[in-house]
């Protein structure tokens, strides 16, 4: 589906890829708000491996918001927030 110059495609697992018309851009930061909230563990691992690849190969910073404590095994840095303030950092 294409809306406002943005192409979206989803596969049978519910994983969606969003592309803009300007594929030459390489954003420095990718924001992901609960990207694995409704996924099974295998699909969640695929998403986090993709994030790791983007980080290593394209030098992108990936900012992930999640309520799943076990997701921290996939990332290099964890910042815990409480009431809008940094509570802890790992």
C-alpha atoms as a PDB file:
ATOM      1  CA  UNK A   1       0.000   0.000   0.000  1.00  0.00           C
ATOM      2  CA  UNK A   2       1.311   3.487  -0.828  1.00  0.00           C
ATOM      3  CA  UNK A   3       0.172   6.567   1.086  1.00  0.00           C
ATOM      4  CA  UNK A   4       1.792  10.039   0.911  1.00  0.00           C
ATOM      5  CA  UNK A   5       4.888   8.669  -0.806  1.00  0.00           C
ATOM      6  CA  UNK A   6       5.389   5.927   1.758  1.00  0.00           C
ATOM      7  CA  UNK A   7       5.268   2.280   0.707  1.00  0.00           C
ATOM      8  CA  UNK A   8       4.175  -0.244   3.332  1.00  0.00           C
ATOM      9  CA  UNK A   9       4.264  -4.002   2.942  1.00  0.00           C
ATOM     10  CA  UNK A  10       3.480  -6.670   5.530  1.00  0.00           C
ATOM     11  CA  UNK A  11       4.075 -10.387   5.446  1.00  0.00           C
ATOM     12  CA  UNK A  12       1.964 -13.187   6.916  1.00  0.00           C
ATOM     13  CA  UNK A  13       3.658 -12.840  10.333  1.00  0.00           C
ATOM     14  CA  UNK A  14       2.531  -9.237  10.654  1.00  0.00           C
ATOM     15  CA  UNK A  15       6.022  -7.793  10.202  1.00  0.00           C
ATOM     16  CA  UNK A  16       5.790  -4.627   8.131  1.00  0.00           C
ATOM     17  CA  UNK A  17       8.466  -2.776   6.212  1.00  0.00           C
ATOM     18  CA  UNK A  18       7.988   0.918   5.543  1.00  0.00           C
ATOM     19  CA  UNK A  19       9.914   2.608   2.738  1.00  0.00           C
ATOM     20  CA  UNK A  20       9.940   6.249   1.673  1.00  0.00           C
ATOM     21  CA  UNK A  21      10.276   7.393  -1.918  1.00  0.00           C
ATOM     22  CA  UNK A  22      13.728   8.770  -1.101  1.00  0.00           C
ATOM     23  CA  UNK A  23      15.595   5.510  -0.577  1.00  0.00           C
ATOM     24  CA  UNK A  24      18.917   7.351  -0.739  1.00  0.00           C
ATOM     25  CA  UNK A  25      18.410   8.720   2.759  1.00  0.00           C
ATOM     26  CA  UNK A  26      20.149   6.945   5.600  1.00  0.00           C
ATOM     27  CA  UNK A  27      18.618   8.143   8.862  1.00  0.00           C
ATOM     28  CA  UNK A  28      20.991   8.361  11.817  1.00  0.00           C
ATOM     29  CA  UNK A  29      18.294   7.228  14.266  1.00  0.00           C
ATOM     30  CA  UNK A  30      15.535   4.660  13.851  1.00  0.00           C
ATOM     31  CA  UNK A  31      12.711   4.927  16.405  1.00  0.00           C
ATOM     32  CA  UNK A  32      10.809   1.733  17.217  1.00  0.00           C
ATOM     33  CA  UNK A  33       7.840   1.973  19.590  1.00  0.00           C
ATOM     34  CA  UNK A  34       7.134  -1.530  20.917  1.00  0.00           C
ATOM     35  CA  UNK A  35       8.146  -3.202  17.634  1.00  0.00           C
ATOM     36  CA  UNK A  36       7.651  -6.724  18.998  1.00  0.00           C
ATOM     37  CA  UNK A  37       4.594  -6.180  21.203  1.00  0.00           C
ATOM     38  CA  UNK A  38       2.338  -8.562  19.264  1.00  0.00           C
ATOM     39  CA  UNK A  39       4.956 -10.929  17.887  1.00  0.00           C
ATOM     40  CA  UNK A  40       5.950 -14.422  18.916  1.00  0.00           C
ATOM     41  CA  UNK A  41       9.472 -15.015  20.210  1.00  0.00           C
ATOM     42  CA  UNK A  42      10.872 -16.180  16.851  1.00  0.00           C
ATOM     43  CA  UNK A  43       9.552 -13.112  15.005  1.00  0.00           C
ATOM     44  CA  UNK A  44      10.767 -10.846  17.816  1.00  0.00           C
ATOM     45  CA  UNK A  45      14.258 -12.252  17.472  1.00  0.00           C
ATOM     46  CA  UNK A  46      14.178 -11.615  13.711  1.00  0.00           C
ATOM     47  CA  UNK A  47      13.252  -7.973  14.323  1.00  0.00           C
ATOM     48  CA  UNK A  48      16.041  -7.471  16.863  1.00  0.00           C
ATOM     49  CA  UNK A  49      18.587  -9.158  14.575  1.00  0.00           C
ATOM     50  CA  UNK A  50      17.544  -6.741  11.829  1.00  0.00           C
ATOM     51  CA  UNK A  51      18.030  -3.821  14.230  1.00  0.00           C
ATOM     52  CA  UNK A  52      21.491  -5.143  15.141  1.00  0.00           C
ATOM     53  CA  UNK A  53      22.389  -5.417  11.448  1.00  0.00           C
ATOM     54  CA  UNK A  54      21.230  -1.852  10.757  1.00  0.00           C
ATOM     55  CA  UNK A  55      23.275  -0.663  13.719  1.00  0.00           C
ATOM     56  CA  UNK A  56      26.463  -2.462  12.691  1.00  0.00           C
ATOM     57  CA  UNK A  57      26.326  -2.061   8.910  1.00  0.00           C
ATOM     58  CA  UNK A  58      24.688   1.360   8.523  1.00  0.00           C
ATOM     59  CA  UNK A  59      25.867   2.819  11.845  1.00  0.00           C
ATOM     60  CA  UNK A  60      22.266   3.650  12.765  1.00  0.00           C
ATOM     61  CA  UNK A  61      21.230   4.287  16.332  1.00  0.00           C
ATOM     62  CA  UNK A  62      18.137   2.233  17.124  1.00  0.00           C
ATOM     63  CA  UNK A  63      15.929   3.584  19.911  1.00  0.00           C
ATOM     64  CA  UNK A  64      13.473   0.919  21.061  1.00  0.00           C
ATOM     65  CA  UNK A  65      10.652   1.501  23.507  1.00  0.00           C
ATOM     66  CA  UNK A  66       9.428  -1.730  25.097  1.00  0.00           C
ATOM     67  CA  UNK A  67       7.653  -3.098  28.147  1.00  0.00           C
ATOM     68  CA  UNK A  68       9.398  -6.452  27.748  1.00  0.00           C
ATOM     69  CA  UNK A  69      12.395  -6.752  30.131  1.00  0.00           C
ATOM     70  CA  UNK A  70      13.710  -9.786  28.238  1.00  0.00           C
ATOM     71  CA  UNK A  71      14.282  -7.608  25.147  1.00  0.00           C
ATOM     72  CA  UNK A  72      17.375  -6.178  26.832  1.00  0.00           C
ATOM     73  CA  UNK A  73      19.350  -9.275  25.821  1.00  0.00           C
ATOM     74  CA  UNK A  74      19.331  -7.948  22.244  1.00  0.00           C
ATOM     75  CA  UNK A  75      20.657  -4.441  22.905  1.00  0.00           C
ATOM     76  CA  UNK A  76      23.912  -2.774  23.939  1.00  0.00           C
ATOM     77  CA  UNK A  77      22.436  -0.212  26.316  1.00  0.00           C
ATOM     78  CA  UNK A  78      19.292  -0.037  28.446  1.00  0.00           C
ATOM     79  CA  UNK A  79      17.813   3.101  29.989  1.00  0.00           C
ATOM     80  CA  UNK A  80      14.956   2.555  32.430  1.00  0.00           C
ATOM     81  CA  UNK A  81      12.371   5.349  32.716  1.00  0.00           C
ATOM     82  CA  UNK A  82       9.855   5.930  35.475  1.00  0.00           C
ATOM     83  CA  UNK A  83       7.381   8.787  35.491  1.00  0.00           C
ATOM     84  CA  UNK A  84       9.250  10.386  32.585  1.00  0.00           C
ATOM     85  CA  UNK A  85      12.632  10.406  34.339  1.00  0.00           C
ATOM     86  CA  UNK A  86      15.701   8.204  33.960  1.00  0.00           C
ATOM     87  CA  UNK A  87      15.626   5.747  36.850  1.00  0.00           C
ATOM     88  CA  UNK A  88      18.530   3.473  35.928  1.00  0.00           C
ATOM     89  CA  UNK A  89      20.980   2.693  33.144  1.00  0.00           C
ATOM     90  CA  UNK A  90      22.619  -0.609  32.196  1.00  0.00           C
END
